[in-house]
């Protein structure tokens, strides 16, 4: 089986993860540092790296939000080529990658995984990587969800002990990230029944909107929930179950609702402006009438699902739904919405 469980295939290459910093593509001053548990620290400029023998790597990209792009060709060099030059010490067990990003995003891999499966890439499908996709230089790691591949890499540290990456720390993503085992989230970080109960009874969510340190609720059971306030702006509710919830008129602007399921939910008039809805499932929603999807991240979001007889099932009511500047909508989902008179007006 080539397509991991829970994934949908796409020909697109959606932009995911951290946004680029203003100076993340300053190629002339770009330097990659490799240090830590090595005998020979390296400082390599981009021209020096490009002067090395370059190779192509064809790999399948699997995003944790649910999309897969087969046969993506990256050009660059295996990280093992540089690790050999750095001469790791015998106690080298892990490799940490740090980005030139506003929050110094990072990720880590076991040393043997990095050596065998991680590359430094500067081009994709014959074209230089765009800034949004991690140019001028990023890592790509075969056989792991894409958050284990880091944009704008500037620093590689060889370590004795593991340092879990940004997404593992902030979003409870699984540290192993094997897509065929569907290791998306660390189960130990799943919302408890007590935490979920307390959340459901709140009438003010300001404590969940702390700037730069928002509380993330993961895999919470919010079925049949009717929130006491419509103001759910900016909440981080990932992989939550909204089965049968009455969310009509809710303000979800800027919220992160990746991989949430909205089966039988009333979403009439919901404002999803600027929300992250990657992998969200709206196929069984009771209503999306008047819902606003403006500048929303929609990679792998599902509005329809094919039945066994080939018929597509979708929300019961799409009357007046607004789609504008939706980012990353999969081809089949865009076709389904177009057939029902809903066009992306971006």
C-alpha atoms as a PDB file:
ATOM      1  CA  UNK A   1       0.000   0.000   0.000  1.00  0.00           C
ATOM      2  CA  UNK A   2       1.610   3.236  -1.152  1.00  0.00           C
ATOM      3  CA  UNK A   3      -0.934   5.716   0.211  1.00  0.00           C
ATOM      4  CA  UNK A   4      -0.747   5.864   4.032  1.00  0.00           C
ATOM      5  CA  UNK A   5      -3.988   5.570   6.035  1.00  0.00           C
ATOM      6  CA  UNK A   6      -6.005   8.758   6.361  1.00  0.00           C
ATOM      7  CA  UNK A   7      -4.284  10.436   3.394  1.00  0.00           C
ATOM      8  CA  UNK A   8      -5.652  11.744   0.076  1.00  0.00           C
ATOM      9  CA  UNK A   9      -3.542  12.024  -3.064  1.00  0.00           C
ATOM     10  CA  UNK A  10      -3.029  15.387  -4.753  1.00  0.00           C
ATOM     11  CA  UNK A  11      -0.994  16.751  -7.655  1.00  0.00           C
ATOM     12  CA  UNK A  12      -0.719  20.068  -5.821  1.00  0.00           C
ATOM     13  CA  UNK A  13       2.132  21.044  -3.519  1.00  0.00           C
ATOM     14  CA  UNK A  14       0.345  23.062  -0.816  1.00  0.00           C
ATOM     15  CA  UNK A  15       2.315  25.526   1.286  1.00  0.00           C
ATOM     16  CA  UNK A  16       2.248  24.278   4.875  1.00  0.00           C
ATOM     17  CA  UNK A  17       3.965  25.030   8.162  1.00  0.00           C
ATOM     18  CA  UNK A  18       5.692  28.190   9.274  1.00  0.00           C
ATOM     19  CA  UNK A  19       5.536  31.379   7.234  1.00  0.00           C
ATOM     20  CA  UNK A  20       8.747  32.720   5.754  1.00  0.00           C
ATOM     21  CA  UNK A  21      10.690  35.430   7.534  1.00  0.00           C
ATOM     22  CA  UNK A  22      11.657  38.552   5.634  1.00  0.00           C
ATOM     23  CA  UNK A  23      15.326  37.550   5.443  1.00  0.00           C
ATOM     24  CA  UNK A  24      14.908  33.802   4.985  1.00  0.00           C
ATOM     25  CA  UNK A  25      15.999  33.956   1.348  1.00  0.00           C
ATOM     26  CA  UNK A  26      19.054  36.179   1.660  1.00  0.00           C
ATOM     27  CA  UNK A  27      21.089  33.813  -0.463  1.00  0.00           C
ATOM     28  CA  UNK A  28      24.260  35.890  -0.542  1.00  0.00           C
ATOM     29  CA  UNK A  29      24.745  35.687   3.225  1.00  0.00           C
ATOM     30  CA  UNK A  30      23.359  32.196   3.757  1.00  0.00           C
ATOM     31  CA  UNK A  31      25.568  29.965   5.876  1.00  0.00           C
ATOM     32  CA  UNK A  32      24.796  26.467   7.092  1.00  0.00           C
ATOM     33  CA  UNK A  33      26.473  25.468  10.358  1.00  0.00           C
ATOM     34  CA  UNK A  34      26.992  21.869  11.472  1.00  0.00           C
ATOM     35  CA  UNK A  35      28.286  21.416  14.987  1.00  0.00           C
ATOM     36  CA  UNK A  36      27.584  19.706  18.310  1.00  0.00           C
ATOM     37  CA  UNK A  37      28.925  16.200  18.874  1.00  0.00           C
ATOM     38  CA  UNK A  38      31.329  16.342  15.947  1.00  0.00           C
ATOM     39  CA  UNK A  39      35.108  16.524  15.623  1.00  0.00           C
ATOM     40  CA  UNK A  40      35.001  18.987  12.731  1.00  0.00           C
ATOM     41  CA  UNK A  41      32.447  21.817  12.854  1.00  0.00           C
ATOM     42  CA  UNK A  42      31.403  23.048   9.406  1.00  0.00           C
ATOM     43  CA  UNK A  43      30.304  26.444   8.099  1.00  0.00           C
ATOM     44  CA  UNK A  44      29.140  26.147   4.490  1.00  0.00           C
ATOM     45  CA  UNK A  45      27.893  28.950   2.255  1.00  0.00           C
ATOM     46  CA  UNK A  46      25.188  28.308  -0.313  1.00  0.00           C
ATOM     47  CA  UNK A  47      27.603  28.621  -3.288  1.00  0.00           C
ATOM     48  CA  UNK A  48      29.922  26.102  -1.603  1.00  0.00           C
ATOM     49  CA  UNK A  49      27.051  23.669  -1.098  1.00  0.00           C
ATOM     50  CA  UNK A  50      25.843  24.097  -4.689  1.00  0.00           C
ATOM     51  CA  UNK A  51      29.383  23.376  -5.916  1.00  0.00           C
ATOM     52  CA  UNK A  52      29.202  19.880  -4.433  1.00  0.00           C
ATOM     53  CA  UNK A  53      27.958  16.986  -6.619  1.00  0.00           C
ATOM     54  CA  UNK A  54      24.177  17.338  -6.801  1.00  0.00           C
ATOM     55  CA  UNK A  55      21.689  14.493  -7.070  1.00  0.00           C
ATOM     56  CA  UNK A  56      17.958  14.010  -7.475  1.00  0.00           C
ATOM     57  CA  UNK A  57      15.728  12.392  -4.878  1.00  0.00           C
ATOM     58  CA  UNK A  58      12.241  11.262  -5.924  1.00  0.00           C
ATOM     59  CA  UNK A  59      10.050  10.747  -2.867  1.00  0.00           C
ATOM     60  CA  UNK A  60       6.432  10.817  -1.719  1.00  0.00           C
ATOM     61  CA  UNK A  61       5.508  13.777   0.478  1.00  0.00           C
ATOM     62  CA  UNK A  62       3.030  12.971   3.268  1.00  0.00           C
ATOM     63  CA  UNK A  63       1.624  15.935   5.204  1.00  0.00           C
ATOM     64  CA  UNK A  64       0.284  15.305   8.697  1.00  0.00           C
ATOM     65  CA  UNK A  65      -2.883  17.212   7.741  1.00  0.00           C
ATOM     66  CA  UNK A  66      -3.856  14.456   5.330  1.00  0.00           C
ATOM     67  CA  UNK A  67      -2.502  15.040   1.815  1.00  0.00           C
ATOM     68  CA  UNK A  68       0.086  13.038  -0.094  1.00  0.00           C
ATOM     69  CA  UNK A  69       1.992  14.052  -3.222  1.00  0.00           C
ATOM     70  CA  UNK A  70       3.611  11.134  -5.020  1.00  0.00           C
ATOM     71  CA  UNK A  71       6.912  11.244  -6.941  1.00  0.00           C
ATOM     72  CA  UNK A  72       8.103  14.690  -5.907  1.00  0.00           C
ATOM     73  CA  UNK A  73      11.617  15.321  -7.226  1.00  0.00           C
ATOM     74  CA  UNK A  74      13.993  17.247  -4.995  1.00  0.00           C
ATOM     75  CA  UNK A  75      17.527  18.212  -5.989  1.00  0.00           C
ATOM     76  CA  UNK A  76      20.349  18.513  -3.474  1.00  0.00           C
ATOM     77  CA  UNK A  77      22.634  16.294  -1.418  1.00  0.00           C
ATOM     78  CA  UNK A  78      22.126  13.651   1.259  1.00  0.00           C
ATOM     79  CA  UNK A  79      22.792  15.007   4.736  1.00  0.00           C
ATOM     80  CA  UNK A  80      25.112  12.028   5.241  1.00  0.00           C
ATOM     81  CA  UNK A  81      27.606  13.655   2.811  1.00  0.00           C
ATOM     82  CA  UNK A  82      28.084  16.556   5.230  1.00  0.00           C
ATOM     83  CA  UNK A  83      27.829  14.498   8.403  1.00  0.00           C
ATOM     84  CA  UNK A  84      30.748  12.409   7.196  1.00  0.00           C
ATOM     85  CA  UNK A  85      32.810  15.584   6.757  1.00  0.00           C
ATOM     86  CA  UNK A  86      31.852  16.736  10.244  1.00  0.00           C
ATOM     87  CA  UNK A  87      33.034  13.403  11.718  1.00  0.00           C
ATOM     88  CA  UNK A  88      30.399  12.686  14.396  1.00  0.00           C
ATOM     89  CA  UNK A  89      31.620  11.479  17.779  1.00  0.00           C
ATOM     90  CA  UNK A  90      30.743   7.915  18.908  1.00  0.00           C
ATOM     91  CA  UNK A  91      28.067   9.299  21.271  1.00  0.00           C
ATOM     92  CA  UNK A  92      26.103  10.957  18.430  1.00  0.00           C
ATOM     93  CA  UNK A  93      22.509   9.716  18.711  1.00  0.00           C
ATOM     94  CA  UNK A  94      20.287  12.490  17.288  1.00  0.00           C
ATOM     95  CA  UNK A  95      20.362  15.315  14.765  1.00  0.00           C
ATOM     96  CA  UNK A  96      18.562  18.612  15.373  1.00  0.00           C
ATOM     97  CA  UNK A  97      17.700  20.993  12.509  1.00  0.00           C
ATOM     98  CA  UNK A  98      17.065  24.703  13.205  1.00  0.00           C
ATOM     99  CA  UNK A  99      15.409  27.124  10.776  1.00  0.00           C
ATOM    100  CA  UNK A 100      15.968  30.758   9.915  1.00  0.00           C
ATOM    101  CA  UNK A 101      12.376  31.540  10.889  1.00  0.00           C
ATOM    102  CA  UNK A 102      10.702  34.072  13.207  1.00  0.00           C
ATOM    103  CA  UNK A 103      10.422  31.431  15.939  1.00  0.00           C
ATOM    104  CA  UNK A 104      13.587  29.444  15.170  1.00  0.00           C
ATOM    105  CA  UNK A 105      11.521  26.420  14.192  1.00  0.00           C
ATOM    106  CA  UNK A 106      13.303  23.140  14.667  1.00  0.00           C
ATOM    107  CA  UNK A 107      12.881  19.413  14.302  1.00  0.00           C
ATOM    108  CA  UNK A 108      14.934  16.348  15.168  1.00  0.00           C
ATOM    109  CA  UNK A 109      15.620  12.838  13.935  1.00  0.00           C
ATOM    110  CA  UNK A 110      17.515   9.832  15.267  1.00  0.00           C
ATOM    111  CA  UNK A 111      21.046   9.930  13.873  1.00  0.00           C
ATOM    112  CA  UNK A 112      20.605   6.752  11.823  1.00  0.00           C
ATOM    113  CA  UNK A 113      17.330   8.012  10.303  1.00  0.00           C
ATOM    114  CA  UNK A 114      18.865  11.361   9.380  1.00  0.00           C
ATOM    115  CA  UNK A 115      21.905   9.661   7.859  1.00  0.00           C
ATOM    116  CA  UNK A 116      19.846   7.240   5.783  1.00  0.00           C
ATOM    117  CA  UNK A 117      16.795   9.278   4.778  1.00  0.00           C
ATOM    118  CA  UNK A 118      17.360  13.042   5.117  1.00  0.00           C
ATOM    119  CA  UNK A 119      18.518  15.342   2.298  1.00  0.00           C
ATOM    120  CA  UNK A 120      19.353  19.028   1.896  1.00  0.00           C
ATOM    121  CA  UNK A 121      17.296  20.294  -1.038  1.00  0.00           C
ATOM    122  CA  UNK A 122      17.442  23.549  -2.984  1.00  0.00           C
ATOM    123  CA  UNK A 123      15.128  22.666  -5.890  1.00  0.00           C
ATOM    124  CA  UNK A 124      11.842  20.847  -6.440  1.00  0.00           C
ATOM    125  CA  UNK A 125      10.725  19.423  -9.776  1.00  0.00           C
ATOM    126  CA  UNK A 126      13.551  21.247 -11.553  1.00  0.00           C
ATOM    127  CA  UNK A 127      12.824  24.696 -10.102  1.00  0.00           C
ATOM    128  CA  UNK A 128      14.509  26.497  -7.190  1.00  0.00           C
ATOM    129  CA  UNK A 129      12.509  26.181  -3.985  1.00  0.00           C
ATOM    130  CA  UNK A 130      10.305  29.208  -3.454  1.00  0.00           C
ATOM    131  CA  UNK A 131      10.553  31.068  -0.176  1.00  0.00           C
ATOM    132  CA  UNK A 132       7.176  29.663   0.892  1.00  0.00           C
ATOM    133  CA  UNK A 133       8.437  26.115   0.362  1.00  0.00           C
ATOM    134  CA  UNK A 134      11.675  26.644   2.284  1.00  0.00           C
ATOM    135  CA  UNK A 135      14.101  28.142  -0.226  1.00  0.00           C
ATOM    136  CA  UNK A 136      16.936  28.612  -0.567  1.00  0.00           C
ATOM    137  CA  UNK A 137      17.619  25.434   1.419  1.00  0.00           C
ATOM    138  CA  UNK A 138      15.482  22.972   3.332  1.00  0.00           C
ATOM    139  CA  UNK A 139      15.616  19.398   4.558  1.00  0.00           C
ATOM    140  CA  UNK A 140      13.405  16.627   3.216  1.00  0.00           C
ATOM    141  CA  UNK A 141      13.069  13.313   5.030  1.00  0.00           C
ATOM    142  CA  UNK A 142      11.765  10.177   3.380  1.00  0.00           C
ATOM    143  CA  UNK A 143       9.207   8.052   5.220  1.00  0.00           C
ATOM    144  CA  UNK A 144       8.141  10.678   7.778  1.00  0.00           C
ATOM    145  CA  UNK A 145       5.330  13.213   7.930  1.00  0.00           C
ATOM    146  CA  UNK A 146       6.469  16.469   6.373  1.00  0.00           C
ATOM    147  CA  UNK A 147       6.884  18.348   9.665  1.00  0.00           C
ATOM    148  CA  UNK A 148      10.077  16.304  10.029  1.00  0.00           C
ATOM    149  CA  UNK A 149      11.352  18.203   6.959  1.00  0.00           C
ATOM    150  CA  UNK A 150      12.504  21.734   7.837  1.00  0.00           C
ATOM    151  CA  UNK A 151      12.287  24.904   5.765  1.00  0.00           C
ATOM    152  CA  UNK A 152      15.160  27.463   5.633  1.00  0.00           C
ATOM    153  CA  UNK A 153      17.593  25.241   7.498  1.00  0.00           C
ATOM    154  CA  UNK A 154      20.572  27.218   8.841  1.00  0.00           C
ATOM    155  CA  UNK A 155      21.921  25.101  11.699  1.00  0.00           C
ATOM    156  CA  UNK A 156      22.385  21.358  12.168  1.00  0.00           C
ATOM    157  CA  UNK A 157      23.390  20.108  15.604  1.00  0.00           C
ATOM    158  CA  UNK A 158      24.531  16.566  16.339  1.00  0.00           C
ATOM    159  CA  UNK A 159      23.330  15.597  19.821  1.00  0.00           C
ATOM    160  CA  UNK A 160      23.621  12.905  22.441  1.00  0.00           C
ATOM    161  CA  UNK A 161      20.044  13.398  23.690  1.00  0.00           C
ATOM    162  CA  UNK A 162      16.937  14.168  21.672  1.00  0.00           C
ATOM    163  CA  UNK A 163      15.325  17.603  21.618  1.00  0.00           C
ATOM    164  CA  UNK A 164      11.697  17.296  20.405  1.00  0.00           C
ATOM    165  CA  UNK A 165      10.905  19.760  17.635  1.00  0.00           C
ATOM    166  CA  UNK A 166       8.696  22.842  17.537  1.00  0.00           C
ATOM    167  CA  UNK A 167       5.565  21.061  16.305  1.00  0.00           C
ATOM    168  CA  UNK A 168       6.029  18.254  18.802  1.00  0.00           C
ATOM    169  CA  UNK A 169       6.334  20.780  21.641  1.00  0.00           C
ATOM    170  CA  UNK A 170       3.603  23.202  20.552  1.00  0.00           C
ATOM    171  CA  UNK A 171       1.083  20.949  18.796  1.00  0.00           C
ATOM    172  CA  UNK A 172       1.765  17.544  20.383  1.00  0.00           C
ATOM    173  CA  UNK A 173       2.735  16.028  17.045  1.00  0.00           C
ATOM    174  CA  UNK A 174       4.204  12.551  17.341  1.00  0.00           C
ATOM    175  CA  UNK A 175       7.996  12.497  17.655  1.00  0.00           C
ATOM    176  CA  UNK A 176       8.345   9.460  15.382  1.00  0.00           C
ATOM    177  CA  UNK A 177       5.954  10.656  12.637  1.00  0.00           C
ATOM    178  CA  UNK A 178       5.596   7.420  10.663  1.00  0.00           C
ATOM    179  CA  UNK A 179       2.702   8.020   8.219  1.00  0.00           C
ATOM    180  CA  UNK A 180       2.043   4.302   7.701  1.00  0.00           C
ATOM    181  CA  UNK A 181       1.477   3.893  11.425  1.00  0.00           C
ATOM    182  CA  UNK A 182      -0.559   7.139  11.352  1.00  0.00           C
ATOM    183  CA  UNK A 183       1.594   8.648  14.091  1.00  0.00           C
ATOM    184  CA  UNK A 184       0.150  12.159  13.891  1.00  0.00           C
ATOM    185  CA  UNK A 185      -0.302  13.105  17.538  1.00  0.00           C
ATOM    186  CA  UNK A 186       1.269  12.057  20.798  1.00  0.00           C
ATOM    187  CA  UNK A 187      -1.576  10.183  22.465  1.00  0.00           C
ATOM    188  CA  UNK A 188      -0.329  11.256  25.905  1.00  0.00           C
ATOM    189  CA  UNK A 189      -1.271  14.843  25.001  1.00  0.00           C
ATOM    190  CA  UNK A 190      -4.885  14.023  24.143  1.00  0.00           C
ATOM    191  CA  UNK A 191      -7.438  16.098  26.057  1.00  0.00           C
ATOM    192  CA  UNK A 192      -8.688  14.331  29.167  1.00  0.00           C
ATOM    193  CA  UNK A 193     -12.380  13.972  29.941  1.00  0.00           C
ATOM    194  CA  UNK A 194     -12.031  16.506  32.763  1.00  0.00           C
ATOM    195  CA  UNK A 195     -10.212  19.063  30.615  1.00  0.00           C
ATOM    196  CA  UNK A 196     -12.818  18.629  27.892  1.00  0.00           C
ATOM    197  CA  UNK A 197     -15.694  19.017  30.371  1.00  0.00           C
ATOM    198  CA  UNK A 198     -14.225  22.237  31.718  1.00  0.00           C
ATOM    199  CA  UNK A 199     -13.699  23.573  28.197  1.00  0.00           C
ATOM    200  CA  UNK A 200     -17.283  22.846  27.178  1.00  0.00           C
ATOM    201  CA  UNK A 201     -18.632  24.856  30.120  1.00  0.00           C
ATOM    202  CA  UNK A 202     -16.582  28.026  29.546  1.00  0.00           C
ATOM    203  CA  UNK A 203     -18.288  31.248  28.533  1.00  0.00           C
ATOM    204  CA  UNK A 204     -14.995  33.081  27.886  1.00  0.00           C
ATOM    205  CA  UNK A 205     -12.001  31.567  26.072  1.00  0.00           C
ATOM    206  CA  UNK A 206      -9.403  34.304  26.582  1.00  0.00           C
ATOM    207  CA  UNK A 207      -7.126  31.928  28.513  1.00  0.00           C
ATOM    208  CA  UNK A 208      -6.941  29.780  25.360  1.00  0.00           C
ATOM    209  CA  UNK A 209      -5.832  32.768  23.281  1.00  0.00           C
ATOM    210  CA  UNK A 210      -2.630  33.743  25.060  1.00  0.00           C
ATOM    211  CA  UNK A 211      -0.358  35.321  22.472  1.00  0.00           C
ATOM    212  CA  UNK A 212       2.575  33.107  21.422  1.00  0.00           C
ATOM    213  CA  UNK A 213       1.532  30.422  23.931  1.00  0.00           C
ATOM    214  CA  UNK A 214      -2.050  29.386  23.196  1.00  0.00           C
ATOM    215  CA  UNK A 215      -3.529  26.345  24.901  1.00  0.00           C
ATOM    216  CA  UNK A 216      -4.016  23.514  22.392  1.00  0.00           C
ATOM    217  CA  UNK A 217      -6.897  21.073  22.786  1.00  0.00           C
ATOM    218  CA  UNK A 218      -6.235  17.777  20.985  1.00  0.00           C
ATOM    219  CA  UNK A 219      -8.768  15.056  20.166  1.00  0.00           C
ATOM    220  CA  UNK A 220     -11.379  16.487  22.507  1.00  0.00           C
ATOM    221  CA  UNK A 221     -14.905  15.061  22.324  1.00  0.00           C
ATOM    222  CA  UNK A 222     -17.032  18.134  21.581  1.00  0.00           C
ATOM    223  CA  UNK A 223     -19.979  16.213  20.146  1.00  0.00           C
ATOM    224  CA  UNK A 224     -23.441  17.762  20.614  1.00  0.00           C
ATOM    225  CA  UNK A 225     -21.807  20.884  22.075  1.00  0.00           C
ATOM    226  CA  UNK A 226     -23.512  24.254  22.006  1.00  0.00           C
ATOM    227  CA  UNK A 227     -20.907  26.829  23.073  1.00  0.00           C
ATOM    228  CA  UNK A 228     -22.074  29.499  25.520  1.00  0.00           C
ATOM    229  CA  UNK A 229     -20.404  32.184  23.413  1.00  0.00           C
ATOM    230  CA  UNK A 230     -20.038  32.649  19.679  1.00  0.00           C
ATOM    231  CA  UNK A 231     -16.552  34.086  20.137  1.00  0.00           C
ATOM    232  CA  UNK A 232     -14.232  31.163  19.409  1.00  0.00           C
ATOM    233  CA  UNK A 233     -11.636  33.262  17.574  1.00  0.00           C
ATOM    234  CA  UNK A 234      -8.092  31.947  17.500  1.00  0.00           C
ATOM    235  CA  UNK A 235      -8.751  28.730  19.401  1.00  0.00           C
ATOM    236  CA  UNK A 236      -6.416  25.785  18.823  1.00  0.00           C
ATOM    237  CA  UNK A 237      -8.715  22.754  18.547  1.00  0.00           C
ATOM    238  CA  UNK A 238      -6.931  20.002  16.673  1.00  0.00           C
ATOM    239  CA  UNK A 239      -8.421  16.643  15.639  1.00  0.00           C
ATOM    240  CA  UNK A 240     -11.499  17.348  17.755  1.00  0.00           C
ATOM    241  CA  UNK A 241     -14.887  15.686  17.202  1.00  0.00           C
ATOM    242  CA  UNK A 242     -17.790  18.121  16.684  1.00  0.00           C
ATOM    243  CA  UNK A 243     -20.384  15.455  15.846  1.00  0.00           C
ATOM    244  CA  UNK A 244     -23.843  17.022  16.172  1.00  0.00           C
ATOM    245  CA  UNK A 245     -22.531  20.290  17.645  1.00  0.00           C
ATOM    246  CA  UNK A 246     -24.572  23.466  17.162  1.00  0.00           C
ATOM    247  CA  UNK A 247     -21.968  25.982  16.015  1.00  0.00           C
ATOM    248  CA  UNK A 248     -24.305  28.207  14.039  1.00  0.00           C
ATOM    249  CA  UNK A 249     -23.034  31.784  13.820  1.00  0.00           C
ATOM    250  CA  UNK A 250     -19.756  30.983  15.620  1.00  0.00           C
ATOM    251  CA  UNK A 251     -16.757  33.227  15.004  1.00  0.00           C
ATOM    252  CA  UNK A 252     -13.867  30.863  14.227  1.00  0.00           C
ATOM    253  CA  UNK A 253     -11.661  33.540  12.644  1.00  0.00           C
ATOM    254  CA  UNK A 254      -7.980  32.631  12.914  1.00  0.00           C
ATOM    255  CA  UNK A 255      -8.727  29.348  14.673  1.00  0.00           C
ATOM    256  CA  UNK A 256      -6.709  26.198  14.105  1.00  0.00           C
ATOM    257  CA  UNK A 257      -9.120  23.330  13.423  1.00  0.00           C
ATOM    258  CA  UNK A 258      -6.823  20.933  11.598  1.00  0.00           C
ATOM    259  CA  UNK A 259      -8.175  17.392  11.239  1.00  0.00           C
ATOM    260  CA  UNK A 260     -11.425  18.223  13.069  1.00  0.00           C
ATOM    261  CA  UNK A 261     -14.571  16.298  12.150  1.00  0.00           C
ATOM    262  CA  UNK A 262     -17.905  18.103  11.765  1.00  0.00           C
ATOM    263  CA  UNK A 263     -20.297  15.213  11.101  1.00  0.00           C
ATOM    264  CA  UNK A 264     -23.925  16.357  11.606  1.00  0.00           C
ATOM    265  CA  UNK A 265     -22.710  19.736  12.926  1.00  0.00           C
ATOM    266  CA  UNK A 266     -24.705  22.894  12.260  1.00  0.00           C
ATOM    267  CA  UNK A 267     -22.182  25.331  10.759  1.00  0.00           C
ATOM    268  CA  UNK A 268     -24.679  27.797   9.298  1.00  0.00           C
ATOM    269  CA  UNK A 269     -23.203  31.293   9.229  1.00  0.00           C
ATOM    270  CA  UNK A 270     -19.857  30.266  10.760  1.00  0.00           C
ATOM    271  CA  UNK A 271     -16.979  32.637   9.967  1.00  0.00           C
ATOM    272  CA  UNK A 272     -13.825  30.649   9.144  1.00  0.00           C
ATOM    273  CA  UNK A 273     -11.867  33.676   7.874  1.00  0.00           C
ATOM    274  CA  UNK A 274      -8.142  33.069   8.236  1.00  0.00           C
ATOM    275  CA  UNK A 275      -8.690  29.684   9.916  1.00  0.00           C
ATOM    276  CA  UNK A 276      -6.433  26.669   9.487  1.00  0.00           C
ATOM    277  CA  UNK A 277      -8.779  23.935   8.285  1.00  0.00           C
ATOM    278  CA  UNK A 278      -6.242  21.546   6.799  1.00  0.00           C
ATOM    279  CA  UNK A 279      -7.598  18.015   6.920  1.00  0.00           C
ATOM    280  CA  UNK A 280     -10.936  19.115   8.433  1.00  0.00           C
ATOM    281  CA  UNK A 281     -13.897  16.925   7.446  1.00  0.00           C
ATOM    282  CA  UNK A 282     -17.148  18.692   6.506  1.00  0.00           C
ATOM    283  CA  UNK A 283     -18.606  15.811   4.460  1.00  0.00           C
ATOM    284  CA  UNK A 284     -21.401  15.005   6.887  1.00  0.00           C
ATOM    285  CA  UNK A 285     -22.109  18.516   8.168  1.00  0.00           C
ATOM    286  CA  UNK A 286     -25.793  19.304   8.681  1.00  0.00           C
ATOM    287  CA  UNK A 287     -25.385  22.789   7.234  1.00  0.00           C
ATOM    288  CA  UNK A 288     -22.768  25.116   5.804  1.00  0.00           C
ATOM    289  CA  UNK A 289     -25.353  27.646   4.702  1.00  0.00           C
ATOM    290  CA  UNK A 290     -23.836  31.112   4.736  1.00  0.00           C
ATOM    291  CA  UNK A 291     -20.516  29.862   6.130  1.00  0.00           C
ATOM    292  CA  UNK A 292     -17.556  32.047   5.182  1.00  0.00           C
ATOM    293  CA  UNK A 293     -14.285  30.427   4.053  1.00  0.00           C
ATOM    294  CA  UNK A 294     -12.106  33.472   3.342  1.00  0.00           C
ATOM    295  CA  UNK A 295      -8.305  33.201   3.240  1.00  0.00           C
ATOM    296  CA  UNK A 296      -8.548  29.820   4.964  1.00  0.00           C
ATOM    297  CA  UNK A 297      -6.005  27.002   4.727  1.00  0.00           C
ATOM    298  CA  UNK A 298      -7.902  24.124   3.121  1.00  0.00           C
ATOM    299  CA  UNK A 299      -5.251  21.567   2.145  1.00  0.00           C
ATOM    300  CA  UNK A 300      -6.832  18.101   2.445  1.00  0.00           C
ATOM    301  CA  UNK A 301     -10.092  19.583   3.795  1.00  0.00           C
ATOM    302  CA  UNK A 302     -13.024  17.395   2.741  1.00  0.00           C
ATOM    303  CA  UNK A 303     -16.389  18.697   1.578  1.00  0.00           C
ATOM    304  CA  UNK A 304     -17.423  15.499  -0.178  1.00  0.00           C
ATOM    305  CA  UNK A 305     -16.777  11.790   0.024  1.00  0.00           C
ATOM    306  CA  UNK A 306     -17.402   9.161  -2.641  1.00  0.00           C
ATOM    307  CA  UNK A 307     -19.860   6.432  -1.701  1.00  0.00           C
ATOM    308  CA  UNK A 308     -19.526   2.827  -2.845  1.00  0.00           C
ATOM    309  CA  UNK A 309     -21.864   3.540  -5.764  1.00  0.00           C
ATOM    310  CA  UNK A 310     -19.638   6.419  -6.898  1.00  0.00           C
ATOM    311  CA  UNK A 311     -22.032   9.140  -5.733  1.00  0.00           C
ATOM    312  CA  UNK A 312     -20.483  11.949  -3.717  1.00  0.00           C
ATOM    313  CA  UNK A 313     -21.825  12.701  -0.270  1.00  0.00           C
ATOM    314  CA  UNK A 314     -21.510  16.163   1.164  1.00  0.00           C
ATOM    315  CA  UNK A 315     -23.136  18.652   3.559  1.00  0.00           C
ATOM    316  CA  UNK A 316     -26.909  18.843   3.430  1.00  0.00           C
ATOM    317  CA  UNK A 317     -27.063  22.612   2.901  1.00  0.00           C
ATOM    318  CA  UNK A 318     -24.474  24.767   1.115  1.00  0.00           C
ATOM    319  CA  UNK A 319     -26.806  27.666   0.355  1.00  0.00           C
ATOM    320  CA  UNK A 320     -24.916  30.956   0.365  1.00  0.00           C
ATOM    321  CA  UNK A 321     -21.584  29.437   1.363  1.00  0.00           C
ATOM    322  CA  UNK A 322     -18.733  31.836   0.527  1.00  0.00           C
ATOM    323  CA  UNK A 323     -15.315  30.618  -0.641  1.00  0.00           C
ATOM    324  CA  UNK A 324     -12.645  33.228  -1.304  1.00  0.00           C
ATOM    325  CA  UNK A 325      -8.849  32.833  -1.450  1.00  0.00           C
ATOM    326  CA  UNK A 326      -9.026  29.288  -0.117  1.00  0.00           C
ATOM    327  CA  UNK A 327      -5.495  27.888   0.012  1.00  0.00           C
ATOM    328  CA  UNK A 328      -4.628  24.309  -0.957  1.00  0.00           C
ATOM    329  CA  UNK A 329      -8.097  22.939  -1.733  1.00  0.00           C
ATOM    330  CA  UNK A 330      -7.709  19.492  -3.288  1.00  0.00           C
ATOM    331  CA  UNK A 331      -8.756  18.996  -6.914  1.00  0.00           C
ATOM    332  CA  UNK A 332     -11.734  16.693  -6.251  1.00  0.00           C
ATOM    333  CA  UNK A 333     -13.083  18.975  -3.532  1.00  0.00           C
ATOM    334  CA  UNK A 334     -12.855  22.058  -5.723  1.00  0.00           C
ATOM    335  CA  UNK A 335     -14.719  20.218  -8.495  1.00  0.00           C
ATOM    336  CA  UNK A 336     -17.475  19.175  -6.075  1.00  0.00           C
ATOM    337  CA  UNK A 337     -17.999  22.738  -4.862  1.00  0.00           C
ATOM    338  CA  UNK A 338     -17.941  24.148  -8.382  1.00  0.00           C
ATOM    339  CA  UNK A 339     -20.637  21.708  -9.447  1.00  0.00           C
ATOM    340  CA  UNK A 340     -22.799  23.193  -6.708  1.00  0.00           C
ATOM    341  CA  UNK A 341     -22.200  26.748  -7.809  1.00  0.00           C
ATOM    342  CA  UNK A 342     -19.550  27.620  -5.228  1.00  0.00           C
ATOM    343  CA  UNK A 343     -16.481  29.178  -6.783  1.00  0.00           C
ATOM    344  CA  UNK A 344     -13.293  30.363  -5.171  1.00  0.00           C
ATOM    345  CA  UNK A 345     -13.477  34.105  -5.783  1.00  0.00           C
ATOM    346  CA  UNK A 346      -9.828  34.681  -5.025  1.00  0.00           C
END
